[in-house]
Amino acid sequence: MTHPQEMVKKISCVVQTLSLFVVLIVFWCHTALAVDPPQAVPVTESSQILWKVQSQQNTIFLAGSIHVLQKHHYPLHQAFDEAFKQSSRVMFEVDLDGLTTPLAQQNMMRTGLYLNGESLRTVLSPENYVTAKMNLSELGLQIEDFHRMKPWMVATATMALQLQKLGFESAYGVDRHFYEKAQVTGKAIQGLETVEFQLNLFDQLPFETQEQFLLQTLKELKNLDQQVSDMIKSWKQGNVQKLEALLADIREYPELYKAIVINRNQDWLPHIERALQEKEPVFIVVGALHLLGKEGLVEVLKEKGYLVRQL
């Protein structure tokens, strides 16, 4: 049996999957990419999930990240590198170097584990426990290894482990790629959130939502390879219409959608608008989901009167 602390260490390097784009696609919208939405606009080869936003004072670039990729997905389209080179500093969802520190692992233990004697066996209904055990077994995992983890943590841990098995690594994530480039080139780096804040996003969800998150995630992980491949294809094509189609199903769960998308976008907006008042361009990398849809940062900035153009 794997000790809980060992399991936490195992997934700490991919904790940014909490940043949601991959997780939400698999959890809520696993069939959305199978068909094109009606009246979809043709996608050109030059389209990217990248926007240039201009105010009278400054220019920023909004880059939609996929947090786990494979080595062969590089190099990225030159539009990303050109926007990065033009920028004086870079903003990310979180300071990525803080993800694997001992303090981050302690926070994961404190937030994601039951420390009061409870376990999956005691918190899940007997029926849901059997279902979770069966689905984990089909993935080659034992539920006993996850007993002390809260449902949201089990869902995230199994997602991370399956992505690793398929060769998807956070080391090749778009955010990690540009974080390392920023360090090499000496560009200033800013994190919009802390690791602790991201962990608490899930931990504060109602138990019923966490339980549903776990059961649905385990069910859909069997088809993870094709789902993630389709998602990456749409991302590389810059196909906003397909990616936005994912949001329709997410909105059926308003509490979750508000907590992890709308509220965070609103929290980030003042930082983004301050960047638009600076004198030198800023490159901003966040999960692609945050840029899409009516409540996405792209549409919100358009409504505020900024000039926004997809590159």
C-alpha atoms as a PDB file:
ATOM      1  CA  MET A   1       0.000   0.000   0.000  1.00  0.00           C
ATOM      2  CA  THR A   2       1.335   3.430  -0.933  1.00  0.00           C
ATOM      3  CA  HIS A   3       1.771   5.845   1.985  1.00  0.00           C
ATOM      4  CA  PRO A   4      -0.309   9.024   1.531  1.00  0.00           C
ATOM      5  CA  GLN A   5       2.778  11.245   1.756  1.00  0.00           C
ATOM      6  CA  GLU A   6       4.463   9.259  -1.007  1.00  0.00           C
ATOM      7  CA  MET A   7       1.389   9.691  -3.184  1.00  0.00           C
ATOM      8  CA  VAL A   8       1.360  13.444  -2.555  1.00  0.00           C
ATOM      9  CA  LYS A   9       5.011  13.710  -3.557  1.00  0.00           C
ATOM     10  CA  LYS A  10       4.236  11.703  -6.670  1.00  0.00           C
ATOM     11  CA  ILE A  11       1.635  14.162  -7.881  1.00  0.00           C
ATOM     12  CA  SER A  12       3.150  17.406  -6.571  1.00  0.00           C
ATOM     13  CA  CYS A  13       4.978  18.036  -9.840  1.00  0.00           C
ATOM     14  CA  VAL A  14       1.670  18.153 -11.689  1.00  0.00           C
ATOM     15  CA  VAL A  15      -0.432  19.971  -9.126  1.00  0.00           C
ATOM     16  CA  GLN A  16      -1.064  22.672 -11.714  1.00  0.00           C
ATOM     17  CA  THR A  17      -3.593  20.329 -13.284  1.00  0.00           C
ATOM     18  CA  LEU A  18      -5.731  21.927 -10.609  1.00  0.00           C
ATOM     19  CA  SER A  19      -5.553  24.916 -12.882  1.00  0.00           C
ATOM     20  CA  LEU A  20      -8.303  23.193 -14.656  1.00  0.00           C
ATOM     21  CA  PHE A  21      -8.259  23.149 -18.407  1.00  0.00           C
ATOM     22  CA  VAL A  22      -7.448  19.458 -18.830  1.00  0.00           C
ATOM     23  CA  VAL A  23      -9.387  18.413 -15.731  1.00  0.00           C
ATOM     24  CA  LEU A  24     -12.554  20.230 -16.697  1.00  0.00           C
ATOM     25  CA  ILE A  25     -12.538  19.033 -20.275  1.00  0.00           C
ATOM     26  CA  VAL A  26     -12.408  15.410 -19.170  1.00  0.00           C
ATOM     27  CA  PHE A  27     -14.781  15.847 -16.252  1.00  0.00           C
ATOM     28  CA  TRP A  28     -17.600  17.865 -17.713  1.00  0.00           C
ATOM     29  CA  CYS A  29     -17.295  17.907 -21.468  1.00  0.00           C
ATOM     30  CA  HIS A  30     -15.815  14.655 -22.707  1.00  0.00           C
ATOM     31  CA  THR A  31     -17.997  14.565 -25.828  1.00  0.00           C
ATOM     32  CA  ALA A  32     -17.975  18.242 -26.706  1.00  0.00           C
ATOM     33  CA  LEU A  33     -15.036  17.981 -29.090  1.00  0.00           C
ATOM     34  CA  ALA A  34     -16.564  15.180 -31.099  1.00  0.00           C
ATOM     35  CA  VAL A  35     -18.601  17.518 -33.305  1.00  0.00           C
ATOM     36  CA  ASP A  36     -18.277  21.034 -34.598  1.00  0.00           C
ATOM     37  CA  PRO A  37     -20.727  23.607 -33.242  1.00  0.00           C
ATOM     38  CA  PRO A  38     -23.243  24.973 -35.748  1.00  0.00           C
ATOM     39  CA  GLN A  39     -22.000  27.702 -38.079  1.00  0.00           C
ATOM     40  CA  ALA A  40     -18.441  27.331 -36.889  1.00  0.00           C
ATOM     41  CA  VAL A  41     -16.035  29.842 -38.373  1.00  0.00           C
ATOM     42  CA  PRO A  42     -13.293  28.199 -40.483  1.00  0.00           C
ATOM     43  CA  VAL A  43      -9.974  28.025 -38.678  1.00  0.00           C
ATOM     44  CA  THR A  44      -6.850  29.310 -40.363  1.00  0.00           C
ATOM     45  CA  GLU A  45      -3.463  27.759 -39.807  1.00  0.00           C
ATOM     46  CA  SER A  46      -2.185  31.011 -38.279  1.00  0.00           C
ATOM     47  CA  SER A  47      -4.840  31.163 -35.529  1.00  0.00           C
ATOM     48  CA  GLN A  48      -3.542  30.617 -32.009  1.00  0.00           C
ATOM     49  CA  ILE A  49      -5.040  30.662 -28.530  1.00  0.00           C
ATOM     50  CA  LEU A  50      -3.224  33.957 -28.123  1.00  0.00           C
ATOM     51  CA  TRP A  51      -4.594  37.501 -28.061  1.00  0.00           C
ATOM     52  CA  LYS A  52      -3.057  40.960 -28.307  1.00  0.00           C
ATOM     53  CA  VAL A  53      -4.807  43.500 -26.089  1.00  0.00           C
ATOM     54  CA  GLN A  54      -4.096  47.217 -26.445  1.00  0.00           C
ATOM     55  CA  SER A  55      -4.936  50.283 -24.401  1.00  0.00           C
ATOM     56  CA  GLN A  56      -3.861  53.837 -25.123  1.00  0.00           C
ATOM     57  CA  GLN A  57      -0.842  53.287 -22.864  1.00  0.00           C
ATOM     58  CA  ASN A  58       0.326  49.734 -23.405  1.00  0.00           C
ATOM     59  CA  THR A  59       0.007  46.284 -24.993  1.00  0.00           C
ATOM     60  CA  ILE A  60      -0.406  42.935 -23.296  1.00  0.00           C
ATOM     61  CA  PHE A  61      -0.543  39.411 -24.691  1.00  0.00           C
ATOM     62  CA  LEU A  62      -2.940  36.777 -23.313  1.00  0.00           C
ATOM     63  CA  ALA A  63      -1.656  33.251 -23.965  1.00  0.00           C
ATOM     64  CA  GLY A  64      -3.962  30.300 -23.255  1.00  0.00           C
ATOM     65  CA  SER A  65      -1.982  27.510 -21.639  1.00  0.00           C
ATOM     66  CA  ILE A  66      -2.379  23.769 -21.622  1.00  0.00           C
ATOM     67  CA  HIS A  67      -0.671  22.747 -18.410  1.00  0.00           C
ATOM     68  CA  VAL A  68       0.546  19.310 -19.556  1.00  0.00           C
ATOM     69  CA  LEU A  69       1.955  18.481 -22.991  1.00  0.00           C
ATOM     70  CA  GLN A  70       4.479  16.150 -24.583  1.00  0.00           C
ATOM     71  CA  LYS A  71       7.919  17.010 -25.923  1.00  0.00           C
ATOM     72  CA  HIS A  72       6.862  16.570 -29.549  1.00  0.00           C
ATOM     73  CA  HIS A  73       4.365  19.430 -29.231  1.00  0.00           C
ATOM     74  CA  TYR A  74       7.311  21.817 -29.417  1.00  0.00           C
ATOM     75  CA  PRO A  75       8.287  24.196 -30.850  1.00  0.00           C
ATOM     76  CA  LEU A  76       5.148  26.256 -30.384  1.00  0.00           C
ATOM     77  CA  HIS A  77       3.908  28.565 -33.125  1.00  0.00           C
ATOM     78  CA  GLN A  78       6.247  31.511 -33.590  1.00  0.00           C
ATOM     79  CA  ALA A  79       3.483  33.941 -32.607  1.00  0.00           C
ATOM     80  CA  PHE A  80       3.931  32.865 -28.971  1.00  0.00           C
ATOM     81  CA  ASP A  81       7.682  33.445 -29.017  1.00  0.00           C
ATOM     82  CA  GLU A  82       7.329  36.793 -30.763  1.00  0.00           C
ATOM     83  CA  ALA A  83       4.834  38.013 -28.167  1.00  0.00           C
ATOM     84  CA  PHE A  84       7.098  36.775 -25.372  1.00  0.00           C
ATOM     85  CA  LYS A  85      10.146  38.534 -26.822  1.00  0.00           C
ATOM     86  CA  GLN A  86       8.285  41.840 -27.068  1.00  0.00           C
ATOM     87  CA  SER A  87       7.280  41.731 -23.407  1.00  0.00           C
ATOM     88  CA  SER A  88       9.223  43.126 -20.472  1.00  0.00           C
ATOM     89  CA  ARG A  89       7.696  40.832 -17.860  1.00  0.00           C
ATOM     90  CA  VAL A  90       5.537  37.707 -17.580  1.00  0.00           C
ATOM     91  CA  MET A  91       2.513  36.877 -15.428  1.00  0.00           C
ATOM     92  CA  PHE A  92       1.344  33.342 -14.579  1.00  0.00           C
ATOM     93  CA  GLU A  93      -1.506  31.861 -12.551  1.00  0.00           C
ATOM     94  CA  VAL A  94       0.974  30.884  -9.855  1.00  0.00           C
ATOM     95  CA  ASP A  95       4.694  30.993  -9.142  1.00  0.00           C
ATOM     96  CA  LEU A  96       5.624  27.623 -10.621  1.00  0.00           C
ATOM     97  CA  ASP A  97       8.756  27.231  -8.517  1.00  0.00           C
ATOM     98  CA  GLY A  98       6.506  27.161  -5.471  1.00  0.00           C
ATOM     99  CA  LEU A  99       4.709  24.002  -6.575  1.00  0.00           C
ATOM    100  CA  THR A 100       7.323  21.470  -5.495  1.00  0.00           C
ATOM    101  CA  THR A 101       8.639  23.104  -2.334  1.00  0.00           C
ATOM    102  CA  PRO A 102       8.329  21.314   1.022  1.00  0.00           C
ATOM    103  CA  LEU A 103       5.835  23.989   2.069  1.00  0.00           C
ATOM    104  CA  ALA A 104       3.645  23.243  -0.984  1.00  0.00           C
ATOM    105  CA  GLN A 105       3.712  19.531  -0.194  1.00  0.00           C
ATOM    106  CA  GLN A 106       2.772  20.269   3.412  1.00  0.00           C
ATOM    107  CA  ASN A 107      -0.134  22.395   2.215  1.00  0.00           C
ATOM    108  CA  MET A 108      -1.275  19.571  -0.054  1.00  0.00           C
ATOM    109  CA  MET A 109      -1.158  17.151   2.862  1.00  0.00           C
ATOM    110  CA  ARG A 110      -3.058  19.529   5.124  1.00  0.00           C
ATOM    111  CA  THR A 111      -5.668  20.464   2.531  1.00  0.00           C
ATOM    112  CA  GLY A 112      -6.138  17.259   0.566  1.00  0.00           C
ATOM    113  CA  LEU A 113      -5.977  14.578   3.257  1.00  0.00           C
ATOM    114  CA  TYR A 114      -8.318  13.554   6.048  1.00  0.00           C
ATOM    115  CA  LEU A 115      -6.418  14.108   9.287  1.00  0.00           C
ATOM    116  CA  ASN A 116      -9.287  13.371  11.666  1.00  0.00           C
ATOM    117  CA  GLY A 117      -9.647   9.629  11.173  1.00  0.00           C
ATOM    118  CA  GLU A 118     -12.119   9.824   8.293  1.00  0.00           C
ATOM    119  CA  SER A 119     -11.417   8.100   4.973  1.00  0.00           C
ATOM    120  CA  LEU A 120     -13.014   7.461   1.609  1.00  0.00           C
ATOM    121  CA  ARG A 121     -14.648   4.373   3.085  1.00  0.00           C
ATOM    122  CA  THR A 122     -16.405   6.433   5.747  1.00  0.00           C
ATOM    123  CA  VAL A 123     -17.329   9.548   3.739  1.00  0.00           C
ATOM    124  CA  LEU A 124     -18.565   7.941   0.512  1.00  0.00           C
ATOM    125  CA  SER A 125     -21.851   6.093   0.426  1.00  0.00           C
ATOM    126  CA  PRO A 126     -21.402   2.302   0.214  1.00  0.00           C
ATOM    127  CA  GLU A 127     -22.648   2.346  -3.382  1.00  0.00           C
ATOM    128  CA  ASN A 128     -20.311   5.161  -4.468  1.00  0.00           C
ATOM    129  CA  TYR A 129     -17.398   3.554  -2.654  1.00  0.00           C
ATOM    130  CA  VAL A 130     -17.892   0.319  -4.600  1.00  0.00           C
ATOM    131  CA  THR A 131     -18.157   2.284  -7.855  1.00  0.00           C
ATOM    132  CA  ALA A 132     -14.979   4.231  -7.131  1.00  0.00           C
ATOM    133  CA  LYS A 133     -13.133   1.053  -6.142  1.00  0.00           C
ATOM    134  CA  MET A 134     -14.186  -0.694  -9.362  1.00  0.00           C
ATOM    135  CA  ASN A 135     -13.165   2.227 -11.588  1.00  0.00           C
ATOM    136  CA  LEU A 136      -9.816   2.609  -9.864  1.00  0.00           C
ATOM    137  CA  SER A 137      -9.203  -1.109 -10.243  1.00  0.00           C
ATOM    138  CA  GLU A 138      -9.869  -0.846 -13.989  1.00  0.00           C
ATOM    139  CA  LEU A 139      -7.174   1.834 -14.096  1.00  0.00           C
ATOM    140  CA  GLY A 140      -4.736  -0.501 -12.334  1.00  0.00           C
ATOM    141  CA  LEU A 141      -5.004   1.352  -9.017  1.00  0.00           C
ATOM    142  CA  GLN A 142      -6.096   0.290  -5.531  1.00  0.00           C
ATOM    143  CA  ILE A 143      -8.572   2.430  -3.641  1.00  0.00           C
ATOM    144  CA  GLU A 144      -6.769   1.647  -0.380  1.00  0.00           C
ATOM    145  CA  ASP A 145      -3.858   3.803  -1.610  1.00  0.00           C
ATOM    146  CA  PHE A 146      -6.218   6.772  -1.721  1.00  0.00           C
ATOM    147  CA  HIS A 147      -8.237   6.169   1.465  1.00  0.00           C
ATOM    148  CA  ARG A 148      -6.994   9.215   3.353  1.00  0.00           C
ATOM    149  CA  MET A 149      -7.447  11.588   0.399  1.00  0.00           C
ATOM    150  CA  LYS A 150     -10.510  13.772   0.058  1.00  0.00           C
ATOM    151  CA  PRO A 151     -12.625  13.059  -3.042  1.00  0.00           C
ATOM    152  CA  TRP A 152     -11.367  16.091  -4.991  1.00  0.00           C
ATOM    153  CA  MET A 153      -7.770  15.089  -4.245  1.00  0.00           C
ATOM    154  CA  VAL A 154      -8.374  11.513  -5.418  1.00  0.00           C
ATOM    155  CA  ALA A 155      -9.808  12.814  -8.675  1.00  0.00           C
ATOM    156  CA  THR A 156      -6.849  15.136  -9.204  1.00  0.00           C
ATOM    157  CA  ALA A 157      -4.283  12.507  -8.204  1.00  0.00           C
ATOM    158  CA  THR A 158      -5.668   9.846 -10.541  1.00  0.00           C
ATOM    159  CA  MET A 159      -5.889  12.389 -13.358  1.00  0.00           C
ATOM    160  CA  ALA A 160      -2.246  13.349 -12.826  1.00  0.00           C
ATOM    161  CA  LEU A 161      -1.101   9.719 -12.673  1.00  0.00           C
ATOM    162  CA  GLN A 162      -2.958   8.769 -15.851  1.00  0.00           C
ATOM    163  CA  LEU A 163      -1.586  11.783 -17.703  1.00  0.00           C
ATOM    164  CA  GLN A 164       1.910  10.758 -16.655  1.00  0.00           C
ATOM    165  CA  LYS A 165       1.305   7.223 -17.931  1.00  0.00           C
ATOM    166  CA  LEU A 166       0.335   8.679 -21.310  1.00  0.00           C
ATOM    167  CA  GLY A 167       3.498  10.770 -21.424  1.00  0.00           C
ATOM    168  CA  PHE A 168       1.895  14.132 -20.695  1.00  0.00           C
ATOM    169  CA  GLU A 169       4.141  16.086 -18.354  1.00  0.00           C
ATOM    170  CA  SER A 170       3.832  19.411 -16.600  1.00  0.00           C
ATOM    171  CA  ALA A 171       7.474  19.948 -17.568  1.00  0.00           C
ATOM    172  CA  TYR A 172       6.202  20.477 -21.121  1.00  0.00           C
ATOM    173  CA  GLY A 173       3.237  22.630 -20.159  1.00  0.00           C
ATOM    174  CA  VAL A 174       2.943  25.972 -21.923  1.00  0.00           C
ATOM    175  CA  ASP A 175       3.203  27.846 -18.633  1.00  0.00           C
ATOM    176  CA  ARG A 176       6.307  25.919 -17.550  1.00  0.00           C
ATOM    177  CA  HIS A 177       7.884  26.505 -20.989  1.00  0.00           C
ATOM    178  CA  PHE A 178       7.562  30.274 -20.716  1.00  0.00           C
ATOM    179  CA  TYR A 179       8.367  30.323 -17.010  1.00  0.00           C
ATOM    180  CA  GLU A 180      11.742  28.787 -17.756  1.00  0.00           C
ATOM    181  CA  LYS A 181      12.283  31.146 -20.698  1.00  0.00           C
ATOM    182  CA  ALA A 182      11.511  34.095 -18.431  1.00  0.00           C
ATOM    183  CA  GLN A 183      14.084  32.893 -15.912  1.00  0.00           C
ATOM    184  CA  VAL A 184      16.732  32.426 -18.600  1.00  0.00           C
ATOM    185  CA  THR A 185      16.102  35.821 -20.190  1.00  0.00           C
ATOM    186  CA  GLY A 186      15.828  37.644 -16.892  1.00  0.00           C
ATOM    187  CA  LYS A 187      12.262  38.848 -17.367  1.00  0.00           C
ATOM    188  CA  ALA A 188      10.336  39.782 -14.232  1.00  0.00           C
ATOM    189  CA  ILE A 189       7.813  37.134 -13.122  1.00  0.00           C
ATOM    190  CA  GLN A 190       4.540  37.587 -11.254  1.00  0.00           C
ATOM    191  CA  GLY A 191       2.125  34.947  -9.937  1.00  0.00           C
ATOM    192  CA  LEU A 192      -1.548  35.886  -9.832  1.00  0.00           C
ATOM    193  CA  GLU A 193      -2.362  33.327  -7.124  1.00  0.00           C
ATOM    194  CA  THR A 194      -0.706  31.124  -4.529  1.00  0.00           C
ATOM    195  CA  VAL A 195      -0.606  27.315  -4.546  1.00  0.00           C
ATOM    196  CA  GLU A 196      -2.546  27.363  -1.289  1.00  0.00           C
ATOM    197  CA  PHE A 197      -5.317  29.398  -2.894  1.00  0.00           C
ATOM    198  CA  GLN A 198      -5.637  26.913  -5.766  1.00  0.00           C
ATOM    199  CA  LEU A 199      -5.819  23.979  -3.369  1.00  0.00           C
ATOM    200  CA  ASN A 200      -8.484  25.702  -1.301  1.00  0.00           C
ATOM    201  CA  LEU A 201     -10.610  26.246  -4.424  1.00  0.00           C
ATOM    202  CA  PHE A 202     -11.358  22.537  -4.485  1.00  0.00           C
ATOM    203  CA  ASP A 203     -11.316  21.936  -0.766  1.00  0.00           C
ATOM    204  CA  GLN A 204     -14.055  24.518  -0.211  1.00  0.00           C
ATOM    205  CA  LEU A 205     -16.437  22.895  -2.680  1.00  0.00           C
ATOM    206  CA  PRO A 206     -19.504  21.214  -1.128  1.00  0.00           C
ATOM    207  CA  PHE A 207     -18.952  17.527  -0.438  1.00  0.00           C
ATOM    208  CA  GLU A 208     -21.653  16.524  -2.956  1.00  0.00           C
ATOM    209  CA  THR A 209     -19.781  18.403  -5.696  1.00  0.00           C
ATOM    210  CA  GLN A 210     -16.482  16.801  -4.706  1.00  0.00           C
ATOM    211  CA  GLU A 211     -18.087  13.352  -4.747  1.00  0.00           C
ATOM    212  CA  GLN A 212     -19.572  13.899  -8.195  1.00  0.00           C
ATOM    213  CA  PHE A 213     -16.237  15.261  -9.392  1.00  0.00           C
ATOM    214  CA  LEU A 214     -14.532  12.060  -8.240  1.00  0.00           C
ATOM    215  CA  LEU A 215     -17.031   9.603  -9.705  1.00  0.00           C
ATOM    216  CA  GLN A 216     -17.293  11.336 -13.080  1.00  0.00           C
ATOM    217  CA  THR A 217     -13.534  11.786 -13.372  1.00  0.00           C
ATOM    218  CA  LEU A 218     -12.855   8.092 -12.682  1.00  0.00           C
ATOM    219  CA  LYS A 219     -15.495   7.113 -15.229  1.00  0.00           C
ATOM    220  CA  GLU A 220     -14.050   9.259 -17.998  1.00  0.00           C
ATOM    221  CA  LEU A 221     -10.359   8.529 -17.426  1.00  0.00           C
ATOM    222  CA  LYS A 222     -10.667   5.336 -19.452  1.00  0.00           C
ATOM    223  CA  ASN A 223     -10.848   7.451 -22.617  1.00  0.00           C
ATOM    224  CA  LEU A 224      -8.328  10.063 -21.517  1.00  0.00           C
ATOM    225  CA  ASP A 225      -5.833   9.568 -24.346  1.00  0.00           C
ATOM    226  CA  GLN A 226      -8.257  10.395 -27.158  1.00  0.00           C
ATOM    227  CA  GLN A 227      -9.931  13.195 -25.229  1.00  0.00           C
ATOM    228  CA  VAL A 228      -6.696  15.020 -24.470  1.00  0.00           C
ATOM    229  CA  SER A 229      -5.388  14.458 -28.001  1.00  0.00           C
ATOM    230  CA  ASP A 230      -8.527  16.004 -29.484  1.00  0.00           C
ATOM    231  CA  MET A 231      -8.316  18.924 -27.090  1.00  0.00           C
ATOM    232  CA  ILE A 232      -4.678  19.625 -27.956  1.00  0.00           C
ATOM    233  CA  LYS A 233      -5.470  19.452 -31.668  1.00  0.00           C
ATOM    234  CA  SER A 234      -8.156  22.118 -31.283  1.00  0.00           C
ATOM    235  CA  TRP A 235      -5.823  24.234 -29.159  1.00  0.00           C
ATOM    236  CA  LYS A 236      -3.003  24.042 -31.704  1.00  0.00           C
ATOM    237  CA  GLN A 237      -5.448  25.070 -34.448  1.00  0.00           C
ATOM    238  CA  GLY A 238      -6.565  28.059 -32.411  1.00  0.00           C
ATOM    239  CA  ASN A 239     -10.110  26.784 -32.779  1.00  0.00           C
ATOM    240  CA  VAL A 240     -11.947  29.031 -30.353  1.00  0.00           C
ATOM    241  CA  GLN A 241     -15.354  27.747 -31.464  1.00  0.00           C
ATOM    242  CA  LYS A 242     -14.598  24.161 -30.490  1.00  0.00           C
ATOM    243  CA  LEU A 243     -12.985  25.102 -27.229  1.00  0.00           C
ATOM    244  CA  GLU A 244     -15.807  27.451 -26.293  1.00  0.00           C
ATOM    245  CA  ALA A 245     -18.290  24.622 -26.887  1.00  0.00           C
ATOM    246  CA  LEU A 246     -16.869  23.060 -23.723  1.00  0.00           C
ATOM    247  CA  LEU A 247     -18.273  25.852 -21.603  1.00  0.00           C
ATOM    248  CA  ALA A 248     -21.903  24.986 -22.306  1.00  0.00           C
ATOM    249  CA  ASP A 249     -21.754  21.862 -20.132  1.00  0.00           C
ATOM    250  CA  ILE A 250     -19.635  23.478 -17.418  1.00  0.00           C
ATOM    251  CA  ARG A 251     -22.283  26.141 -16.873  1.00  0.00           C
ATOM    252  CA  GLU A 252     -24.715  23.414 -15.821  1.00  0.00           C
ATOM    253  CA  TYR A 253     -22.725  23.350 -12.562  1.00  0.00           C
ATOM    254  CA  PRO A 254     -22.835  27.062 -11.636  1.00  0.00           C
ATOM    255  CA  GLU A 255     -21.248  26.727  -8.196  1.00  0.00           C
ATOM    256  CA  LEU A 256     -18.156  25.006  -9.566  1.00  0.00           C
ATOM    257  CA  TYR A 257     -17.943  27.207 -12.660  1.00  0.00           C
ATOM    258  CA  LYS A 258     -18.249  30.390 -10.606  1.00  0.00           C
ATOM    259  CA  ALA A 259     -15.588  29.293  -8.118  1.00  0.00           C
ATOM    260  CA  ILE A 260     -12.941  28.151 -10.556  1.00  0.00           C
ATOM    261  CA  VAL A 261     -13.530  30.376 -13.582  1.00  0.00           C
ATOM    262  CA  ILE A 262     -15.650  33.485 -13.052  1.00  0.00           C
ATOM    263  CA  ASN A 263     -14.367  34.472  -9.610  1.00  0.00           C
ATOM    264  CA  ARG A 264     -10.749  33.919 -10.561  1.00  0.00           C
ATOM    265  CA  ASN A 265     -11.111  35.915 -13.769  1.00  0.00           C
ATOM    266  CA  GLN A 266     -12.548  38.778 -11.740  1.00  0.00           C
ATOM    267  CA  ASP A 267      -9.689  38.528  -9.249  1.00  0.00           C
ATOM    268  CA  TRP A 268      -7.124  38.668 -12.053  1.00  0.00           C
ATOM    269  CA  LEU A 269      -8.738  41.528 -13.953  1.00  0.00           C
ATOM    270  CA  PRO A 270      -7.317  44.388 -11.803  1.00  0.00           C
ATOM    271  CA  HIS A 271      -3.789  42.986 -12.282  1.00  0.00           C
ATOM    272  CA  ILE A 272      -4.351  42.773 -16.036  1.00  0.00           C
ATOM    273  CA  GLU A 273      -5.751  46.278 -16.269  1.00  0.00           C
ATOM    274  CA  ARG A 274      -2.803  47.640 -14.296  1.00  0.00           C
ATOM    275  CA  ALA A 275      -0.518  45.963 -16.813  1.00  0.00           C
ATOM    276  CA  LEU A 276      -2.403  47.781 -19.568  1.00  0.00           C
ATOM    277  CA  GLN A 277      -1.437  51.071 -17.917  1.00  0.00           C
ATOM    278  CA  GLU A 278       2.281  50.285 -17.878  1.00  0.00           C
ATOM    279  CA  LYS A 279       4.820  51.464 -20.415  1.00  0.00           C
ATOM    280  CA  GLU A 280       6.182  48.123 -21.656  1.00  0.00           C
ATOM    281  CA  PRO A 281       4.321  45.068 -23.004  1.00  0.00           C
ATOM    282  CA  VAL A 282       3.395  42.238 -20.632  1.00  0.00           C
ATOM    283  CA  PHE A 283       3.012  38.535 -21.512  1.00  0.00           C
ATOM    284  CA  ILE A 284       0.277  36.786 -19.485  1.00  0.00           C
ATOM    285  CA  VAL A 285      -0.089  32.976 -19.444  1.00  0.00           C
ATOM    286  CA  VAL A 286      -3.217  31.427 -17.905  1.00  0.00           C
ATOM    287  CA  GLY A 287      -5.226  28.270 -18.525  1.00  0.00           C
ATOM    288  CA  ALA A 288      -6.962  28.526 -21.903  1.00  0.00           C
ATOM    289  CA  LEU A 289     -10.379  28.048 -20.324  1.00  0.00           C
ATOM    290  CA  HIS A 290     -10.057  31.453 -18.652  1.00  0.00           C
ATOM    291  CA  LEU A 291      -9.862  33.216 -22.003  1.00  0.00           C
ATOM    292  CA  LEU A 292     -12.960  31.670 -23.563  1.00  0.00           C
ATOM    293  CA  GLY A 293     -16.689  32.322 -23.466  1.00  0.00           C
ATOM    294  CA  LYS A 294     -18.799  35.261 -22.375  1.00  0.00           C
ATOM    295  CA  GLU A 295     -17.169  35.435 -18.943  1.00  0.00           C
ATOM    296  CA  GLY A 296     -13.673  34.839 -20.344  1.00  0.00           C
ATOM    297  CA  LEU A 297     -11.004  37.486 -20.074  1.00  0.00           C
ATOM    298  CA  VAL A 298     -11.003  38.148 -23.820  1.00  0.00           C
ATOM    299  CA  GLU A 299     -14.682  39.129 -23.959  1.00  0.00           C
ATOM    300  CA  VAL A 300     -14.522  41.042 -20.673  1.00  0.00           C
ATOM    301  CA  LEU A 301     -11.632  43.157 -21.941  1.00  0.00           C
ATOM    302  CA  LYS A 302     -13.459  43.802 -25.216  1.00  0.00           C
ATOM    303  CA  GLU A 303     -16.480  45.026 -23.272  1.00  0.00           C
ATOM    304  CA  LYS A 304     -14.254  47.385 -21.325  1.00  0.00           C
ATOM    305  CA  GLY A 305     -13.245  49.038 -24.586  1.00  0.00           C
ATOM    306  CA  TYR A 306      -9.770  47.637 -25.117  1.00  0.00           C
ATOM    307  CA  LEU A 307      -8.656  46.689 -28.613  1.00  0.00           C
ATOM    308  CA  VAL A 308      -8.431  42.881 -28.683  1.00  0.00           C
ATOM    309  CA  ARG A 309      -7.176  40.762 -31.593  1.00  0.00           C
ATOM    310  CA  GLN A 310      -6.478  37.044 -31.863  1.00  0.00           C
ATOM    311  CA  LEU A 311      -3.027  36.326 -33.281  1.00  0.00           C
END
